[in-house]
Amino acid sequence: MDKTYYKVFLCRKRLLLIALLNFSDWLCTITLLRHEGFFEVNPLMVQLVDSPLLCFLIKCILPFCLILYIYKMLPKSGERLIAVVSSSMLVITGFYLAINILHIFNFIILFILQ
């Protein structure tokens, strides 16, 4: 297997994971916000969570379009750009994993309090 092809393959797998983690972040956020005591921490999203359609557009559709664009453009990219994208995705994946772990803790708190 070609080295560049393998790197593109790994990047695409990471992109799919990021898309899944992003969607789960949105789903957990809207679910937790329906319960008293939970609030949006991201100052850029505070105003948007009041509008479900706008929130879905900004938190899911827009990132998905960006992910889809990167997914399609990766095979046409040079090795240096693929390396930058790959490194960036590791950071983004770590960030979304931390957010999703926080959501899990919030759900545990929610179930304990009920």
C-alpha atoms as a PDB file:
ATOM      1  CA  MET A   1       0.000   0.000   0.000  1.00  0.00           C
ATOM      2  CA  ASP A   2       1.305   3.454  -0.964  1.00  0.00           C
ATOM      3  CA  LYS A   3       2.452   5.548   2.020  1.00  0.00           C
ATOM      4  CA  THR A   4       0.397   8.592   0.987  1.00  0.00           C
ATOM      5  CA  TYR A   5      -2.694   6.447   0.377  1.00  0.00           C
ATOM      6  CA  TYR A   6      -2.369   4.992   3.886  1.00  0.00           C
ATOM      7  CA  LYS A   7      -2.041   8.477   5.434  1.00  0.00           C
ATOM      8  CA  VAL A   8      -5.152   9.637   3.552  1.00  0.00           C
ATOM      9  CA  PHE A   9      -6.968   6.505   4.740  1.00  0.00           C
ATOM     10  CA  LEU A  10      -6.038   7.245   8.382  1.00  0.00           C
ATOM     11  CA  CYS A  11      -7.045  10.897   8.038  1.00  0.00           C
ATOM     12  CA  ARG A  12     -10.402   9.894   6.606  1.00  0.00           C
ATOM     13  CA  LYS A  13     -11.018   7.525   9.509  1.00  0.00           C
ATOM     14  CA  ARG A  14     -10.186  10.333  11.930  1.00  0.00           C
ATOM     15  CA  LEU A  15     -12.534  12.675  10.072  1.00  0.00           C
ATOM     16  CA  LEU A  16     -15.373  10.185  10.479  1.00  0.00           C
ATOM     17  CA  LEU A  17     -14.581   9.898  14.188  1.00  0.00           C
ATOM     18  CA  ILE A  18     -14.600  13.700  14.527  1.00  0.00           C
ATOM     19  CA  ALA A  19     -17.974  13.850  12.751  1.00  0.00           C
ATOM     20  CA  LEU A  20     -19.383  11.246  15.139  1.00  0.00           C
ATOM     21  CA  LEU A  21     -17.970  12.986  18.222  1.00  0.00           C
ATOM     22  CA  ASN A  22     -19.258  16.343  16.982  1.00  0.00           C
ATOM     23  CA  PHE A  23     -22.759  14.940  16.484  1.00  0.00           C
ATOM     24  CA  SER A  24     -22.717  13.299  19.929  1.00  0.00           C
ATOM     25  CA  ASP A  25     -21.611  16.623  21.440  1.00  0.00           C
ATOM     26  CA  TRP A  26     -24.627  18.332  19.882  1.00  0.00           C
ATOM     27  CA  LEU A  27     -27.014  15.568  20.943  1.00  0.00           C
ATOM     28  CA  CYS A  28     -25.727  15.490  24.524  1.00  0.00           C
ATOM     29  CA  THR A  29     -25.745  19.283  24.738  1.00  0.00           C
ATOM     30  CA  ILE A  30     -29.379  19.666  23.682  1.00  0.00           C
ATOM     31  CA  THR A  31     -30.409  16.787  25.939  1.00  0.00           C
ATOM     32  CA  LEU A  32     -28.649  18.180  29.006  1.00  0.00           C
ATOM     33  CA  LEU A  33     -29.902  21.719  28.385  1.00  0.00           C
ATOM     34  CA  ARG A  34     -33.470  20.489  28.840  1.00  0.00           C
ATOM     35  CA  HIS A  35     -32.676  19.872  32.507  1.00  0.00           C
ATOM     36  CA  GLU A  36     -32.337  22.557  35.139  1.00  0.00           C
ATOM     37  CA  GLY A  37     -28.814  23.282  36.285  1.00  0.00           C
ATOM     38  CA  PHE A  38     -27.085  22.610  32.967  1.00  0.00           C
ATOM     39  CA  PHE A  39     -25.961  25.351  30.620  1.00  0.00           C
ATOM     40  CA  GLU A  40     -23.875  25.850  27.491  1.00  0.00           C
ATOM     41  CA  VAL A  41     -20.252  26.503  28.456  1.00  0.00           C
ATOM     42  CA  ASN A  42     -19.063  27.668  25.036  1.00  0.00           C
ATOM     43  CA  PRO A  43     -19.546  31.467  25.010  1.00  0.00           C
ATOM     44  CA  LEU A  44     -19.882  31.444  21.210  1.00  0.00           C
ATOM     45  CA  MET A  45     -22.792  28.996  21.368  1.00  0.00           C
ATOM     46  CA  VAL A  46     -24.749  30.413  24.335  1.00  0.00           C
ATOM     47  CA  GLN A  47     -27.059  32.477  22.131  1.00  0.00           C
ATOM     48  CA  LEU A  48     -27.452  29.738  19.523  1.00  0.00           C
ATOM     49  CA  VAL A  49     -28.673  26.931  21.792  1.00  0.00           C
ATOM     50  CA  ASP A  50     -31.989  28.731  22.243  1.00  0.00           C
ATOM     51  CA  SER A  51     -32.753  28.116  18.561  1.00  0.00           C
ATOM     52  CA  PRO A  52     -32.731  24.342  17.878  1.00  0.00           C
ATOM     53  CA  LEU A  53     -32.509  24.732  14.094  1.00  0.00           C
ATOM     54  CA  LEU A  54     -29.715  27.300  14.203  1.00  0.00           C
ATOM     55  CA  CYS A  55     -27.885  25.259  16.839  1.00  0.00           C
ATOM     56  CA  PHE A  56     -28.105  22.136  14.649  1.00  0.00           C
ATOM     57  CA  LEU A  57     -26.933  24.112  11.632  1.00  0.00           C
ATOM     58  CA  ILE A  58     -23.897  25.590  13.401  1.00  0.00           C
ATOM     59  CA  LYS A  59     -22.942  22.553  15.529  1.00  0.00           C
ATOM     60  CA  CYS A  60     -23.643  19.787  12.999  1.00  0.00           C
ATOM     61  CA  ILE A  61     -24.307  20.813   9.413  1.00  0.00           C
ATOM     62  CA  LEU A  62     -21.548  23.397   9.060  1.00  0.00           C
ATOM     63  CA  PRO A  63     -18.815  21.159  10.563  1.00  0.00           C
ATOM     64  CA  PHE A  64     -20.102  18.205   8.520  1.00  0.00           C
ATOM     65  CA  CYS A  65     -19.752  20.232   5.305  1.00  0.00           C
ATOM     66  CA  LEU A  66     -16.193  21.166   6.274  1.00  0.00           C
ATOM     67  CA  ILE A  67     -15.398  17.542   7.136  1.00  0.00           C
ATOM     68  CA  LEU A  68     -16.876  16.371   3.838  1.00  0.00           C
ATOM     69  CA  TYR A  69     -14.806  18.925   1.922  1.00  0.00           C
ATOM     70  CA  ILE A  70     -11.586  17.844   3.672  1.00  0.00           C
ATOM     71  CA  TYR A  71     -12.526  14.184   3.154  1.00  0.00           C
ATOM     72  CA  LYS A  72     -12.857  14.723  -0.607  1.00  0.00           C
ATOM     73  CA  MET A  73      -9.784  16.952  -0.967  1.00  0.00           C
ATOM     74  CA  LEU A  74      -7.321  14.830   1.020  1.00  0.00           C
ATOM     75  CA  PRO A  75      -6.284  12.527  -1.857  1.00  0.00           C
ATOM     76  CA  LYS A  76      -5.413  15.604  -3.943  1.00  0.00           C
ATOM     77  CA  SER A  77      -3.248  17.097  -1.189  1.00  0.00           C
ATOM     78  CA  GLY A  78       0.489  16.900  -0.806  1.00  0.00           C
ATOM     79  CA  GLU A  79       2.159  14.916   1.954  1.00  0.00           C
ATOM     80  CA  ARG A  80       2.999  18.021   3.963  1.00  0.00           C
ATOM     81  CA  LEU A  81      -0.632  19.198   4.026  1.00  0.00           C
ATOM     82  CA  ILE A  82      -1.814  15.691   4.902  1.00  0.00           C
ATOM     83  CA  ALA A  83       0.612  15.692   7.849  1.00  0.00           C
ATOM     84  CA  VAL A  84      -0.722  19.070   9.054  1.00  0.00           C
ATOM     85  CA  VAL A  85      -4.329  17.903   8.701  1.00  0.00           C
ATOM     86  CA  SER A  86      -3.519  14.661  10.505  1.00  0.00           C
ATOM     87  CA  SER A  87      -1.883  16.490  13.420  1.00  0.00           C
ATOM     88  CA  SER A  88      -4.753  18.957  13.614  1.00  0.00           C
ATOM     89  CA  MET A  89      -7.263  16.128  13.686  1.00  0.00           C
ATOM     90  CA  LEU A  90      -5.484  14.505  16.627  1.00  0.00           C
ATOM     91  CA  VAL A  91      -5.884  17.734  18.604  1.00  0.00           C
ATOM     92  CA  ILE A  92      -9.536  18.125  17.542  1.00  0.00           C
ATOM     93  CA  THR A  93     -10.276  14.481  18.387  1.00  0.00           C
ATOM     94  CA  GLY A  94      -8.746  14.941  21.834  1.00  0.00           C
ATOM     95  CA  PHE A  95     -10.826  18.066  22.349  1.00  0.00           C
ATOM     96  CA  TYR A  96     -14.081  16.337  21.352  1.00  0.00           C
ATOM     97  CA  LEU A  97     -13.228  13.288  23.466  1.00  0.00           C
ATOM     98  CA  ALA A  98     -12.788  15.568  26.483  1.00  0.00           C
ATOM     99  CA  ILE A  99     -16.124  17.255  25.769  1.00  0.00           C
ATOM    100  CA  ASN A 100     -17.888  13.914  25.402  1.00  0.00           C
ATOM    101  CA  ILE A 101     -16.341  12.598  28.614  1.00  0.00           C
ATOM    102  CA  LEU A 102     -17.615  15.745  30.343  1.00  0.00           C
ATOM    103  CA  HIS A 103     -21.081  15.005  28.937  1.00  0.00           C
ATOM    104  CA  ILE A 104     -20.906  11.475  30.352  1.00  0.00           C
ATOM    105  CA  PHE A 105     -20.090  12.884  33.796  1.00  0.00           C
ATOM    106  CA  ASN A 106     -22.969  15.347  33.454  1.00  0.00           C
ATOM    107  CA  PHE A 107     -25.359  12.505  32.606  1.00  0.00           C
ATOM    108  CA  ILE A 108     -24.130  10.591  35.666  1.00  0.00           C
ATOM    109  CA  ILE A 109     -24.800  13.667  37.812  1.00  0.00           C
ATOM    110  CA  LEU A 110     -28.210  14.075  36.212  1.00  0.00           C
ATOM    111  CA  PHE A 111     -29.214  10.479  36.963  1.00  0.00           C
ATOM    112  CA  ILE A 112     -27.888  10.665  40.530  1.00  0.00           C
ATOM    113  CA  LEU A 113     -29.917  13.826  41.211  1.00  0.00           C
ATOM    114  CA  GLN A 114     -33.172  12.357  39.888  1.00  0.00           C
END
